[in-house]
Amino acid sequence: MVNRRRRGRKLTFALTAGVLAATLALGGCDGDGDSNSKSGAKDGPSVIAPGKPGEKAEEITPEEAKKRGEDDTPNSADFEYAQMMIEHHRQALTMSELAPDRAKSDKVKRLAERIHAAQGPEIKAMEAWIDRNGGPRESAAHDGHHMPGMATEAQLDTLRASKGSGFDELFLKLMITHHTGALTMAKDVLSNGNNVLVEEMANDVGAQQTSEIERMRELL
């Protein structure tokens, strides 16, 4: 479990650095030190905060952002990540379930088995997180086929019809793309989300799938 106080310090440091950079930038634009200090104290830089589900992002002061940084209440980015990643993982399960009967390489079969063993429990964990936080498991705001890395129905049909070394190659290529999309989604929520548990899940996905991408590239 990530220590909330440590996370708060990280957020505070980042915000403080941002405030300092913005203050220096403002100082560089105004040659009058006195007037700069007066206007800077009143109008300081703003921070864009993602809204809760169904709400728009808002512009807040650095001081308010610091206060919010100590609160890990899920925002819209957290919910969207969990909802989308559940669907994303489900497609990975669909592809990996084809490997035992179609793959030629034992290494590909074992890789598919590991992917299935890891992502099944991750789906349950994200569903449980959504339920605890009162959000829907699915969102009408996104189309699964437009998520990063998702295979098309035509690609899945081709994979189902493949066998032997042809299956191995297509499976690896599709899964590399699929994992790369998951990394993009994890990076986005780490930048825009607010919940500690979602942060942990995204970090776990990033570490595991980066390792698997390297392994799959070696098998091609």
Protein backbone atom coordinates (compact mmCIF):
# COMPACT_ATOMS: atom_id res chain seq x y z
CA MET A 1 0.00 0.00 0.00
CA VAL A 2 1.36 3.43 -0.93
CA ASN A 3 1.88 5.63 2.12
CA ARG A 4 -0.64 8.46 1.82
CA ARG A 5 1.59 10.94 3.64
CA ARG A 6 4.46 10.17 1.29
CA ARG A 7 2.18 10.58 -1.71
CA GLY A 8 0.95 13.88 -0.28
CA ARG A 9 4.52 15.10 0.00
CA LYS A 10 5.17 14.16 -3.61
CA LEU A 11 2.12 16.10 -4.75
CA THR A 12 3.03 19.08 -2.58
CA PHE A 13 6.56 19.10 -3.98
CA ALA A 14 5.28 18.98 -7.55
CA LEU A 15 2.83 21.79 -6.92
CA THR A 16 5.42 23.89 -5.13
CA ALA A 17 7.81 23.45 -8.03
CA GLY A 18 5.05 24.48 -10.42
CA VAL A 19 4.25 27.57 -8.39
CA LEU A 20 7.94 28.53 -8.24
CA ALA A 21 8.36 28.10 -12.00
CA ALA A 22 5.28 30.16 -12.73
CA THR A 23 6.38 32.86 -10.28
CA LEU A 24 9.80 33.09 -11.89
CA ALA A 25 8.18 33.29 -15.31
CA LEU A 26 5.96 36.14 -14.17
CA GLY A 27 8.96 37.86 -12.65
CA GLY A 28 10.80 37.69 -15.94
CA CYS A 29 7.99 39.53 -17.70
CA ASP A 30 7.83 42.48 -15.32
CA GLY A 31 10.83 44.62 -14.51
CA ASP A 32 9.15 46.19 -11.45
CA GLY A 33 9.81 43.91 -8.47
CA ASP A 34 7.26 45.63 -6.19
CA SER A 35 4.37 45.48 -8.66
CA ASN A 36 5.27 41.88 -9.51
CA SER A 37 5.07 40.77 -5.87
CA LYS A 38 1.69 42.44 -5.42
CA SER A 39 0.07 41.03 -8.54
CA GLY A 40 1.69 37.59 -8.02
CA ALA A 41 0.29 37.32 -4.51
CA LYS A 42 -3.19 38.07 -5.77
CA ASP A 43 -3.36 36.37 -9.13
CA GLY A 44 -0.95 33.41 -8.77
CA PRO A 45 -0.93 30.53 -11.25
CA SER A 46 -3.88 28.17 -11.46
CA VAL A 47 -4.15 24.38 -11.54
CA ILE A 48 -6.58 22.31 -13.64
CA ALA A 49 -8.28 19.65 -11.48
CA PRO A 50 -10.22 16.74 -13.11
CA GLY A 51 -13.83 16.68 -11.97
CA LYS A 52 -15.83 13.87 -10.42
CA PRO A 53 -17.84 11.52 -12.68
CA GLY A 54 -20.19 13.63 -14.81
CA GLU A 55 -18.52 16.88 -13.81
CA LYS A 56 -16.17 19.10 -15.79
CA ALA A 57 -12.60 19.87 -14.83
CA GLU A 58 -12.14 23.08 -12.87
CA GLU A 59 -9.48 25.71 -12.39
CA ILE A 60 -8.30 26.03 -8.80
CA THR A 61 -5.55 27.79 -6.87
CA PRO A 62 -2.30 26.04 -5.92
CA GLU A 63 -3.33 26.28 -2.25
CA GLU A 64 -6.58 24.43 -2.94
CA ALA A 65 -4.70 21.88 -5.05
CA LYS A 66 -2.39 21.20 -2.09
CA LYS A 67 -5.38 20.56 0.16
CA ARG A 68 -6.94 18.25 -2.39
CA GLY A 69 -3.64 16.44 -2.82
CA GLU A 70 -4.11 15.09 0.71
CA ASP A 71 -7.51 13.63 -0.26
CA ASP A 72 -7.55 10.56 -2.53
CA THR A 73 -11.26 10.71 -3.38
CA PRO A 74 -11.66 9.14 -6.86
CA ASN A 75 -12.18 11.56 -9.71
CA SER A 76 -13.46 11.03 -13.26
CA ALA A 77 -10.03 9.93 -14.51
CA ASP A 78 -9.89 7.16 -11.89
CA PHE A 79 -13.34 5.82 -12.76
CA GLU A 80 -12.71 6.02 -16.49
CA TYR A 81 -9.44 4.13 -16.14
CA ALA A 82 -11.02 1.28 -14.17
CA GLN A 83 -14.01 1.03 -16.51
CA MET A 84 -11.89 1.01 -19.63
CA MET A 85 -9.21 -1.31 -18.26
CA ILE A 86 -11.82 -3.92 -17.33
CA GLU A 87 -12.93 -4.07 -20.95
CA HIS A 88 -9.34 -3.91 -22.15
CA HIS A 89 -8.34 -6.85 -19.96
CA ARG A 90 -11.36 -8.87 -21.10
CA GLN A 91 -10.11 -8.75 -24.66
CA ALA A 92 -6.70 -9.96 -23.50
CA LEU A 93 -8.43 -12.91 -21.85
CA THR A 94 -10.29 -13.66 -25.07
CA MET A 95 -7.06 -13.72 -27.06
CA SER A 96 -5.08 -15.70 -24.50
CA GLU A 97 -7.81 -18.36 -24.26
CA LEU A 98 -7.21 -19.19 -27.93
CA ALA A 99 -3.56 -20.13 -27.41
CA PRO A 100 -3.81 -23.62 -25.85
CA ASP A 101 -5.50 -25.12 -28.93
CA ARG A 102 -3.94 -22.98 -31.64
CA ALA A 103 -0.39 -21.97 -30.67
CA LYS A 104 2.58 -24.01 -31.84
CA SER A 105 5.21 -22.60 -29.48
CA ASP A 106 5.18 -23.79 -25.87
CA LYS A 107 6.65 -20.41 -24.91
CA VAL A 108 3.67 -18.64 -26.47
CA LYS A 109 1.30 -20.99 -24.66
CA ARG A 110 2.97 -20.31 -21.32
CA LEU A 111 2.96 -16.57 -21.96
CA ALA A 112 -0.77 -16.66 -22.76
CA GLU A 113 -1.37 -18.65 -19.59
CA ARG A 114 0.47 -16.05 -17.49
CA ILE A 115 -1.46 -13.20 -19.09
CA HIS A 116 -4.75 -14.96 -18.36
CA ALA A 117 -3.74 -15.76 -14.78
CA ALA A 118 -2.75 -12.14 -14.09
CA GLN A 119 -5.51 -10.19 -15.81
CA GLY A 120 -8.47 -12.24 -14.56
CA PRO A 121 -7.86 -11.27 -10.91
CA GLU A 122 -7.08 -7.68 -11.96
CA ILE A 123 -10.53 -7.42 -13.55
CA LYS A 124 -12.14 -8.59 -10.29
CA ALA A 125 -10.05 -6.12 -8.29
CA MET A 126 -11.11 -3.20 -10.50
CA GLU A 127 -14.76 -4.26 -10.42
CA ALA A 128 -14.62 -4.43 -6.62
CA TRP A 129 -12.98 -0.98 -6.49
CA ILE A 130 -15.73 0.52 -8.66
CA ASP A 131 -18.44 -1.11 -6.54
CA ARG A 132 -16.92 0.20 -3.29
CA ASN A 133 -16.78 3.72 -4.70
CA GLY A 134 -20.31 3.73 -6.08
CA GLY A 135 -19.51 3.95 -9.79
CA PRO A 136 -20.91 1.98 -12.74
CA ARG A 137 -18.71 -0.79 -14.12
CA GLU A 138 -19.32 0.40 -17.66
CA SER A 139 -19.49 3.85 -19.16
CA ALA A 140 -21.38 4.96 -22.24
CA ALA A 141 -18.77 7.70 -22.70
CA HIS A 142 -16.33 5.45 -24.56
CA ASP A 143 -16.34 2.82 -27.28
CA GLY A 144 -14.19 -0.19 -26.48
CA HIS A 145 -12.80 -0.44 -29.98
CA HIS A 146 -11.40 3.08 -29.73
CA MET A 147 -9.37 2.38 -26.61
CA PRO A 148 -5.58 2.28 -27.12
CA GLY A 149 -4.31 -1.08 -28.35
CA MET A 150 -7.65 -2.84 -28.80
CA ALA A 151 -7.82 -5.40 -31.62
CA THR A 152 -10.63 -5.05 -34.15
CA GLU A 153 -13.26 -7.74 -34.67
CA ALA A 154 -11.65 -8.54 -38.02
CA GLN A 155 -8.29 -9.06 -36.33
CA LEU A 156 -9.85 -11.30 -33.70
CA ASP A 157 -11.58 -13.35 -36.41
CA THR A 158 -8.24 -13.78 -38.19
CA LEU A 159 -6.62 -14.86 -34.93
CA ARG A 160 -9.37 -17.41 -34.29
CA ALA A 161 -8.87 -18.84 -37.78
CA SER A 162 -5.08 -19.09 -37.38
CA LYS A 163 -3.12 -22.07 -36.16
CA GLY A 164 0.50 -23.05 -35.56
CA SER A 165 3.30 -20.57 -36.24
CA GLY A 166 0.88 -18.20 -37.99
CA PHE A 167 -1.17 -17.97 -34.81
CA ASP A 168 1.95 -17.43 -32.72
CA GLU A 169 3.11 -14.48 -34.81
CA LEU A 170 -0.29 -12.79 -35.00
CA PHE A 171 -0.99 -13.36 -31.30
CA LEU A 172 2.32 -11.78 -30.30
CA LYS A 173 1.85 -8.77 -32.59
CA LEU A 174 -1.71 -8.13 -31.42
CA MET A 175 -0.80 -8.59 -27.77
CA ILE A 176 2.20 -6.26 -27.99
CA THR A 177 -0.09 -3.58 -29.40
CA HIS A 178 -2.68 -4.39 -26.75
CA HIS A 179 -0.16 -4.10 -23.90
CA THR A 180 1.25 -0.87 -25.34
CA GLY A 181 -2.26 0.59 -25.23
CA ALA A 182 -2.58 -0.44 -21.59
CA LEU A 183 0.65 1.42 -20.81
CA THR A 184 -0.78 4.56 -22.42
CA MET A 185 -3.91 4.29 -20.27
CA ALA A 186 -1.88 3.71 -17.12
CA LYS A 187 0.30 6.74 -17.87
CA ASP A 188 -2.79 8.90 -18.37
CA VAL A 189 -4.40 7.98 -15.05
CA LEU A 190 -1.12 8.44 -13.18
CA SER A 191 -1.09 12.01 -14.51
CA ASN A 192 -4.78 12.81 -14.02
CA GLY A 193 -6.19 10.47 -11.38
CA ASN A 194 -6.39 11.07 -7.64
CA ASN A 195 -6.99 7.73 -5.93
CA VAL A 196 -4.16 5.82 -4.26
CA LEU A 197 -5.47 2.35 -5.07
CA VAL A 198 -5.95 3.22 -8.74
CA GLU A 199 -2.42 4.60 -8.75
CA GLU A 200 -1.18 1.29 -7.38
CA MET A 201 -3.12 -0.72 -9.97
CA ALA A 202 -1.81 1.45 -12.79
CA ASN A 203 1.77 1.07 -11.57
CA ASP A 204 1.34 -2.71 -11.36
CA VAL A 205 -0.07 -2.85 -14.89
CA GLY A 206 2.79 -0.71 -16.17
CA ALA A 207 5.52 -2.85 -14.61
CA GLN A 208 4.01 -6.20 -15.56
CA GLN A 209 3.05 -5.36 -19.12
CA THR A 210 6.34 -3.62 -19.88
CA SER A 211 8.09 -6.85 -18.91
CA GLU A 212 5.72 -8.93 -21.04
CA ILE A 213 6.19 -6.68 -24.06
CA GLU A 214 9.94 -7.26 -23.89
CA ARG A 215 9.38 -11.01 -23.63
CA MET A 216 7.00 -11.06 -26.60
CA ARG A 217 9.36 -9.08 -28.79
CA GLU A 218 12.04 -11.70 -28.10
CA LEU A 219 9.65 -14.43 -29.26
CA LEU A 220 8.87 -12.80 -32.64
